[in-house]
Amino acid sequence: MKGRAIIARGAPVDPPRSLALRPAYPTLAEIEKRFLASIAFQSPRTGATYRDGMLRFDHFLAVAGVDPFTMTADDAQLPEDVLEHFFRWLSDSGYSRGTVETYLGGVKAFWRFATAKRYVPPRFSYDAMRAGLAMVMGRHKVRSPRIDARLPLIVAHVDGLPLPADADPWDQMRRLELLRDRALLHTLFYSAMRRAEVASLNRQDMQDGGPMTRW
């Protein structure tokens, strides 16, 4: 074809250096934004826990002089054992072991997400990061909670209280209050829920107080 250069088949091609592109990784802040969006459909408690952990991790990065809004993991020169450094920083900050593990849970999930999506260089291996963190943390001995053997007596006592008659509005209110207290005590005793969890229950959580149909 006249006016066009014809390249013979099989001839070596030497592309210009501009075509040898370096992978473009998102900034740490952008990864965090995508991570938090990915957990939008998880339980509110899990979401809140993960967000708290990421707030502590953002503080950790700021102390280290890292700007997550402009830097990628490579730009910030984060080490492959960044989780171990984060653990030591939390421990040195005076947080309890339980709080440290709570914050780590969210940040571990963040790095699992980042490595799975390949938002960070391949030198970051989540399995290696988790294994290294486990070696540094060691085993955490959790004390079993002490259960007072007299707790059933409280439930039995409240169950044995006579229900006021519903002759007048005042008695009706006292009757409902006693039935409510019985229900709360039974829920606490048999479900092992926290007081705050039981206090936040509403009618929708309890099927509006009606029995569940099993057939």
C-alpha atoms as a PDB file:
ATOM      1  CA  MET A   1       0.000   0.000   0.000  1.00  0.00           C
ATOM      2  CA  LYS A   2       1.472   3.241  -1.163  1.00  0.00           C
ATOM      3  CA  GLY A   3       2.259   5.821   1.508  1.00  0.00           C
ATOM      4  CA  ARG A   4       2.067   3.340   4.401  1.00  0.00           C
ATOM      5  CA  ALA A   5       4.888   1.478   6.111  1.00  0.00           C
ATOM      6  CA  ILE A   6       4.430  -2.266   5.977  1.00  0.00           C
ATOM      7  CA  ILE A   7       5.789  -4.343   8.876  1.00  0.00           C
ATOM      8  CA  ALA A   8       6.767  -7.837   7.927  1.00  0.00           C
ATOM      9  CA  ARG A   9       5.139 -10.663   9.836  1.00  0.00           C
ATOM     10  CA  GLY A  10       7.250 -11.915  12.704  1.00  0.00           C
ATOM     11  CA  ALA A  11       9.448  -8.834  12.775  1.00  0.00           C
ATOM     12  CA  PRO A  12      10.427  -7.764  16.307  1.00  0.00           C
ATOM     13  CA  VAL A  13       8.614  -4.733  17.664  1.00  0.00           C
ATOM     14  CA  ASP A  14      10.275  -2.409  20.149  1.00  0.00           C
ATOM     15  CA  PRO A  15       7.489  -0.338  21.761  1.00  0.00           C
ATOM     16  CA  PRO A  16       8.358   3.116  23.065  1.00  0.00           C
ATOM     17  CA  ARG A  17       9.124   3.396  26.769  1.00  0.00           C
ATOM     18  CA  SER A  18       5.930   5.405  27.348  1.00  0.00           C
ATOM     19  CA  LEU A  19       3.902   2.255  26.684  1.00  0.00           C
ATOM     20  CA  ALA A  20       5.599   0.338  29.496  1.00  0.00           C
ATOM     21  CA  LEU A  21       3.083   1.657  31.992  1.00  0.00           C
ATOM     22  CA  ARG A  22       3.443   1.253  35.742  1.00  0.00           C
ATOM     23  CA  PRO A  23       0.315  -0.084  37.488  1.00  0.00           C
ATOM     24  CA  ALA A  24      -1.768   2.805  38.779  1.00  0.00           C
ATOM     25  CA  TYR A  25      -2.785   2.013  42.361  1.00  0.00           C
ATOM     26  CA  PRO A  26      -5.474   4.054  44.151  1.00  0.00           C
ATOM     27  CA  THR A  27      -4.568   6.177  47.141  1.00  0.00           C
ATOM     28  CA  LEU A  28      -4.947   4.710  50.610  1.00  0.00           C
ATOM     29  CA  ALA A  29      -7.924   6.990  51.256  1.00  0.00           C
ATOM     30  CA  GLU A  30      -9.632   5.796  48.071  1.00  0.00           C
ATOM     31  CA  ILE A  31      -9.077   2.155  49.054  1.00  0.00           C
ATOM     32  CA  GLU A  32     -10.560   2.863  52.474  1.00  0.00           C
ATOM     33  CA  LYS A  33     -13.578   4.514  50.844  1.00  0.00           C
ATOM     34  CA  ARG A  34     -14.165   1.466  48.641  1.00  0.00           C
ATOM     35  CA  PHE A  35     -13.636  -0.878  51.577  1.00  0.00           C
ATOM     36  CA  LEU A  36     -16.212   0.884  53.758  1.00  0.00           C
ATOM     37  CA  ALA A  37     -18.654   0.855  50.846  1.00  0.00           C
ATOM     38  CA  SER A  38     -18.152  -2.908  50.501  1.00  0.00           C
ATOM     39  CA  ILE A  39     -19.327  -3.552  54.088  1.00  0.00           C
ATOM     40  CA  ALA A  40     -22.461  -1.433  53.765  1.00  0.00           C
ATOM     41  CA  PHE A  41     -24.678  -4.523  53.830  1.00  0.00           C
ATOM     42  CA  GLN A  42     -23.071  -6.104  56.888  1.00  0.00           C
ATOM     43  CA  SER A  43     -24.514  -5.681  60.365  1.00  0.00           C
ATOM     44  CA  PRO A  44     -24.447  -2.136  61.800  1.00  0.00           C
ATOM     45  CA  ARG A  45     -22.278  -3.341  64.688  1.00  0.00           C
ATOM     46  CA  THR A  46     -19.683  -4.817  62.303  1.00  0.00           C
ATOM     47  CA  GLY A  47     -19.672  -1.657  60.224  1.00  0.00           C
ATOM     48  CA  ALA A  48     -19.176   0.544  63.281  1.00  0.00           C
ATOM     49  CA  THR A  49     -16.359  -1.682  64.551  1.00  0.00           C
ATOM     50  CA  TYR A  50     -14.553  -1.599  61.213  1.00  0.00           C
ATOM     51  CA  ARG A  51     -14.923   2.178  60.935  1.00  0.00           C
ATOM     52  CA  ASP A  52     -13.497   2.638  64.431  1.00  0.00           C
ATOM     53  CA  GLY A  53     -10.535   0.478  63.483  1.00  0.00           C
ATOM     54  CA  MET A  54      -9.920   2.484  60.323  1.00  0.00           C
ATOM     55  CA  LEU A  55     -10.043   5.752  62.288  1.00  0.00           C
ATOM     56  CA  ARG A  56      -7.250   4.446  64.494  1.00  0.00           C
ATOM     57  CA  PHE A  57      -5.328   3.295  61.409  1.00  0.00           C
ATOM     58  CA  ASP A  58      -5.705   6.760  59.847  1.00  0.00           C
ATOM     59  CA  HIS A  59      -4.284   8.231  63.063  1.00  0.00           C
ATOM     60  CA  PHE A  60      -1.412   5.746  62.881  1.00  0.00           C
ATOM     61  CA  LEU A  61      -0.656   6.815  59.299  1.00  0.00           C
ATOM     62  CA  ALA A  62      -0.765  10.502  60.262  1.00  0.00           C
ATOM     63  CA  VAL A  63       1.730   9.906  63.075  1.00  0.00           C
ATOM     64  CA  ALA A  64       3.973   8.140  60.560  1.00  0.00           C
ATOM     65  CA  GLY A  65       3.802  11.149  58.231  1.00  0.00           C
ATOM     66  CA  VAL A  66       1.643   9.442  55.613  1.00  0.00           C
ATOM     67  CA  ASP A  67      -1.030  11.408  53.763  1.00  0.00           C
ATOM     68  CA  PRO A  68      -3.593   8.790  52.679  1.00  0.00           C
ATOM     69  CA  PHE A  69      -5.349  11.272  50.371  1.00  0.00           C
ATOM     70  CA  THR A  70      -2.326  11.715  48.121  1.00  0.00           C
ATOM     71  CA  MET A  71      -0.225   8.599  48.716  1.00  0.00           C
ATOM     72  CA  THR A  72      -0.554   5.014  47.588  1.00  0.00           C
ATOM     73  CA  ALA A  73       0.892   2.123  49.574  1.00  0.00           C
ATOM     74  CA  ASP A  74       4.010   2.386  47.399  1.00  0.00           C
ATOM     75  CA  ASP A  75       4.296   6.161  47.692  1.00  0.00           C
ATOM     76  CA  ALA A  76       4.099   5.883  51.471  1.00  0.00           C
ATOM     77  CA  GLN A  77       6.690   3.069  51.409  1.00  0.00           C
ATOM     78  CA  LEU A  78       4.549   1.020  53.770  1.00  0.00           C
ATOM     79  CA  PRO A  79       6.329  -2.134  54.909  1.00  0.00           C
ATOM     80  CA  GLU A  80       4.870  -5.564  54.255  1.00  0.00           C
ATOM     81  CA  ASP A  81       4.527  -6.027  58.028  1.00  0.00           C
ATOM     82  CA  VAL A  82       2.501  -2.851  58.489  1.00  0.00           C
ATOM     83  CA  LEU A  83      -0.069  -4.738  60.583  1.00  0.00           C
ATOM     84  CA  GLU A  84       2.631  -5.653  63.097  1.00  0.00           C
ATOM     85  CA  HIS A  85       3.700  -2.003  63.363  1.00  0.00           C
ATOM     86  CA  PHE A  86       0.084  -0.984  63.858  1.00  0.00           C
ATOM     87  CA  PHE A  87      -0.314  -3.583  66.618  1.00  0.00           C
ATOM     88  CA  ARG A  88       2.786  -2.327  68.453  1.00  0.00           C
ATOM     89  CA  TRP A  89       1.618   1.285  68.112  1.00  0.00           C
ATOM     90  CA  LEU A  90      -1.784   0.456  69.609  1.00  0.00           C
ATOM     91  CA  SER A  91      -0.180  -1.487  72.452  1.00  0.00           C
ATOM     92  CA  ASP A  92       2.294   1.317  73.184  1.00  0.00           C
ATOM     93  CA  SER A  93      -0.616   3.797  73.196  1.00  0.00           C
ATOM     94  CA  GLY A  94      -2.043   2.067  76.263  1.00  0.00           C
ATOM     95  CA  TYR A  95      -5.093   0.377  74.752  1.00  0.00           C
ATOM     96  CA  SER A  96      -6.279  -2.821  76.419  1.00  0.00           C
ATOM     97  CA  ARG A  97      -5.696  -6.113  74.653  1.00  0.00           C
ATOM     98  CA  GLY A  98      -9.405  -6.448  73.848  1.00  0.00           C
ATOM     99  CA  THR A  99      -9.539  -2.948  72.338  1.00  0.00           C
ATOM    100  CA  VAL A 100      -6.385  -3.605  70.322  1.00  0.00           C
ATOM    101  CA  GLU A 101      -7.892  -6.767  68.858  1.00  0.00           C
ATOM    102  CA  THR A 102     -11.113  -4.920  68.038  1.00  0.00           C
ATOM    103  CA  TYR A 103      -9.269  -2.216  66.107  1.00  0.00           C
ATOM    104  CA  LEU A 104      -7.070  -4.805  64.401  1.00  0.00           C
ATOM    105  CA  GLY A 105     -10.153  -6.674  63.209  1.00  0.00           C
ATOM    106  CA  GLY A 106     -11.228  -3.761  61.035  1.00  0.00           C
ATOM    107  CA  VAL A 107      -7.743  -3.044  59.678  1.00  0.00           C
ATOM    108  CA  LYS A 108      -7.108  -6.715  58.896  1.00  0.00           C
ATOM    109  CA  ALA A 109     -10.364  -6.765  56.935  1.00  0.00           C
ATOM    110  CA  PHE A 110      -9.196  -3.628  55.100  1.00  0.00           C
ATOM    111  CA  TRP A 111      -5.935  -5.277  54.013  1.00  0.00           C
ATOM    112  CA  ARG A 112      -7.718  -8.480  53.058  1.00  0.00           C
ATOM    113  CA  PHE A 113      -9.953  -6.372  50.816  1.00  0.00           C
ATOM    114  CA  ALA A 114      -7.051  -4.327  49.392  1.00  0.00           C
ATOM    115  CA  THR A 115      -4.940  -7.353  48.498  1.00  0.00           C
ATOM    116  CA  ALA A 116      -7.872  -9.323  47.080  1.00  0.00           C
ATOM    117  CA  LYS A 117      -8.814  -6.389  44.822  1.00  0.00           C
ATOM    118  CA  ARG A 118      -5.134  -5.807  43.903  1.00  0.00           C
ATOM    119  CA  TYR A 119      -5.317  -2.195  45.031  1.00  0.00           C
ATOM    120  CA  VAL A 120      -1.813  -2.536  46.486  1.00  0.00           C
ATOM    121  CA  PRO A 121       1.433  -3.917  44.999  1.00  0.00           C
ATOM    122  CA  PRO A 122       1.807  -7.718  44.942  1.00  0.00           C
ATOM    123  CA  ARG A 123       4.529  -7.541  47.599  1.00  0.00           C
ATOM    124  CA  PHE A 124       1.665  -7.255  50.095  1.00  0.00           C
ATOM    125  CA  SER A 125       0.400 -10.764  50.849  1.00  0.00           C
ATOM    126  CA  TYR A 126      -2.503 -10.895  53.259  1.00  0.00           C
ATOM    127  CA  ASP A 127      -1.715 -14.445  54.356  1.00  0.00           C
ATOM    128  CA  ALA A 128       1.863 -13.445  55.157  1.00  0.00           C
ATOM    129  CA  MET A 129       0.709 -10.293  56.931  1.00  0.00           C
ATOM    130  CA  ARG A 130      -1.771 -12.231  59.050  1.00  0.00           C
ATOM    131  CA  ALA A 131       0.776 -14.944  59.898  1.00  0.00           C
ATOM    132  CA  GLY A 132       3.377 -12.390  60.928  1.00  0.00           C
ATOM    133  CA  LEU A 133       0.862 -10.553  63.085  1.00  0.00           C
ATOM    134  CA  ALA A 134      -0.176 -13.782  64.811  1.00  0.00           C
ATOM    135  CA  MET A 135       3.458 -14.535  65.696  1.00  0.00           C
ATOM    136  CA  VAL A 136       3.936 -11.077  67.216  1.00  0.00           C
ATOM    137  CA  MET A 137       0.670 -11.065  69.145  1.00  0.00           C
ATOM    138  CA  GLY A 138       0.930 -14.573  70.550  1.00  0.00           C
ATOM    139  CA  ARG A 139      -2.007 -16.263  72.180  1.00  0.00           C
ATOM    140  CA  HIS A 140      -4.463 -14.224  74.201  1.00  0.00           C
ATOM    141  CA  LYS A 141      -5.782 -15.989  77.256  1.00  0.00           C
ATOM    142  CA  VAL A 142      -9.393 -15.046  77.809  1.00  0.00           C
ATOM    143  CA  ARG A 143     -10.793 -15.514  81.283  1.00  0.00           C
ATOM    144  CA  SER A 144     -14.131 -17.221  81.412  1.00  0.00           C
ATOM    145  CA  PRO A 145     -16.724 -14.965  83.002  1.00  0.00           C
ATOM    146  CA  ARG A 146     -17.726 -15.874  86.535  1.00  0.00           C
ATOM    147  CA  ILE A 147     -21.394 -16.756  86.747  1.00  0.00           C
ATOM    148  CA  ASP A 148     -23.094 -16.280  90.077  1.00  0.00           C
ATOM    149  CA  ALA A 149     -24.973 -19.448  90.997  1.00  0.00           C
ATOM    150  CA  ARG A 150     -27.675 -17.320  92.609  1.00  0.00           C
ATOM    151  CA  LEU A 151     -28.802 -15.711  89.342  1.00  0.00           C
ATOM    152  CA  PRO A 152     -31.660 -18.216  88.808  1.00  0.00           C
ATOM    153  CA  LEU A 153     -33.042 -17.183  92.196  1.00  0.00           C
ATOM    154  CA  ILE A 154     -33.597 -13.645  90.911  1.00  0.00           C
ATOM    155  CA  VAL A 155     -35.575 -14.928  87.943  1.00  0.00           C
ATOM    156  CA  ALA A 156     -37.572 -17.277  90.176  1.00  0.00           C
ATOM    157  CA  HIS A 157     -38.311 -14.445  92.624  1.00  0.00           C
ATOM    158  CA  VAL A 158     -39.654 -12.121  89.910  1.00  0.00           C
ATOM    159  CA  ASP A 159     -41.670 -14.960  88.370  1.00  0.00           C
ATOM    160  CA  GLY A 160     -43.235 -15.583  91.765  1.00  0.00           C
ATOM    161  CA  LEU A 161     -44.436 -12.039  92.313  1.00  0.00           C
ATOM    162  CA  PRO A 162     -48.240 -11.858  92.095  1.00  0.00           C
ATOM    163  CA  LEU A 163     -49.662  -9.990  89.145  1.00  0.00           C
ATOM    164  CA  PRO A 164     -51.754  -6.969  90.193  1.00  0.00           C
ATOM    165  CA  ALA A 165     -55.380  -7.112  89.174  1.00  0.00           C
ATOM    166  CA  ASP A 166     -56.438  -4.943  86.270  1.00  0.00           C
ATOM    167  CA  ALA A 167     -59.334  -3.348  88.149  1.00  0.00           C
ATOM    168  CA  ASP A 168     -58.197   0.234  87.572  1.00  0.00           C
ATOM    169  CA  PRO A 169     -55.720   1.982  85.244  1.00  0.00           C
ATOM    170  CA  TRP A 170     -53.037   2.172  87.960  1.00  0.00           C
ATOM    171  CA  ASP A 171     -53.162  -1.585  88.571  1.00  0.00           C
ATOM    172  CA  GLN A 172     -53.131  -2.219  84.850  1.00  0.00           C
ATOM    173  CA  MET A 173     -49.924  -0.181  84.501  1.00  0.00           C
ATOM    174  CA  ARG A 174     -48.249  -2.033  87.386  1.00  0.00           C
ATOM    175  CA  ARG A 175     -49.293  -5.335  85.832  1.00  0.00           C
ATOM    176  CA  LEU A 176     -47.753  -4.412  82.476  1.00  0.00           C
ATOM    177  CA  GLU A 177     -44.557  -3.201  84.164  1.00  0.00           C
ATOM    178  CA  LEU A 178     -44.154  -6.498  86.010  1.00  0.00           C
ATOM    179  CA  LEU A 179     -44.758  -8.502  82.829  1.00  0.00           C
ATOM    180  CA  ARG A 180     -42.210  -6.309  81.048  1.00  0.00           C
ATOM    181  CA  ASP A 181     -39.627  -6.860  83.798  1.00  0.00           C
ATOM    182  CA  ARG A 182     -40.174 -10.615  83.655  1.00  0.00           C
ATOM    183  CA  ALA A 183     -39.666 -10.591  79.894  1.00  0.00           C
ATOM    184  CA  LEU A 184     -36.460  -8.557  80.208  1.00  0.00           C
ATOM    185  CA  LEU A 185     -35.031 -10.822  82.901  1.00  0.00           C
ATOM    186  CA  HIS A 186     -35.809 -13.967  80.929  1.00  0.00           C
ATOM    187  CA  THR A 187     -34.232 -12.465  77.813  1.00  0.00           C
ATOM    188  CA  LEU A 188     -31.078 -11.527  79.706  1.00  0.00           C
ATOM    189  CA  PHE A 189     -30.855 -14.848  81.511  1.00  0.00           C
ATOM    190  CA  TYR A 190     -31.477 -17.210  78.591  1.00  0.00           C
ATOM    191  CA  SER A 191     -29.878 -15.302  75.699  1.00  0.00           C
ATOM    192  CA  ALA A 192     -26.724 -13.905  77.397  1.00  0.00           C
ATOM    193  CA  MET A 193     -27.336 -10.624  75.605  1.00  0.00           C
ATOM    194  CA  ARG A 194     -25.785  -7.425  76.903  1.00  0.00           C
ATOM    195  CA  ARG A 195     -27.910  -4.988  78.868  1.00  0.00           C
ATOM    196  CA  ALA A 196     -27.551  -2.344  76.159  1.00  0.00           C
ATOM    197  CA  GLU A 197     -28.662  -4.826  73.497  1.00  0.00           C
ATOM    198  CA  VAL A 198     -31.758  -5.817  75.446  1.00  0.00           C
ATOM    199  CA  ALA A 199     -32.561  -2.187  76.246  1.00  0.00           C
ATOM    200  CA  SER A 200     -32.441  -1.297  72.535  1.00  0.00           C
ATOM    201  CA  LEU A 201     -34.886  -4.018  71.456  1.00  0.00           C
ATOM    202  CA  ASN A 202     -38.056  -2.798  69.806  1.00  0.00           C
ATOM    203  CA  ARG A 203     -41.325  -4.338  68.668  1.00  0.00           C
ATOM    204  CA  GLN A 204     -39.933  -5.225  65.253  1.00  0.00           C
ATOM    205  CA  ASP A 205     -37.088  -7.196  66.880  1.00  0.00           C
ATOM    206  CA  MET A 206     -39.587  -9.118  68.997  1.00  0.00           C
ATOM    207  CA  GLN A 207     -42.114  -9.842  66.236  1.00  0.00           C
ATOM    208  CA  ASP A 208     -44.347  -7.176  67.822  1.00  0.00           C
ATOM    209  CA  GLY A 209     -44.669  -9.355  70.885  1.00  0.00           C
ATOM    210  CA  GLY A 210     -46.631 -12.022  69.025  1.00  0.00           C
ATOM    211  CA  PRO A 211     -45.838 -15.750  68.765  1.00  0.00           C
ATOM    212  CA  MET A 212     -43.910 -17.068  65.782  1.00  0.00           C
ATOM    213  CA  THR A 213     -45.816 -19.368  63.432  1.00  0.00           C
ATOM    214  CA  ARG A 214     -43.827 -22.531  62.715  1.00  0.00           C
ATOM    215  CA  TRP A 215     -46.194 -24.050  60.195  1.00  0.00           C
END
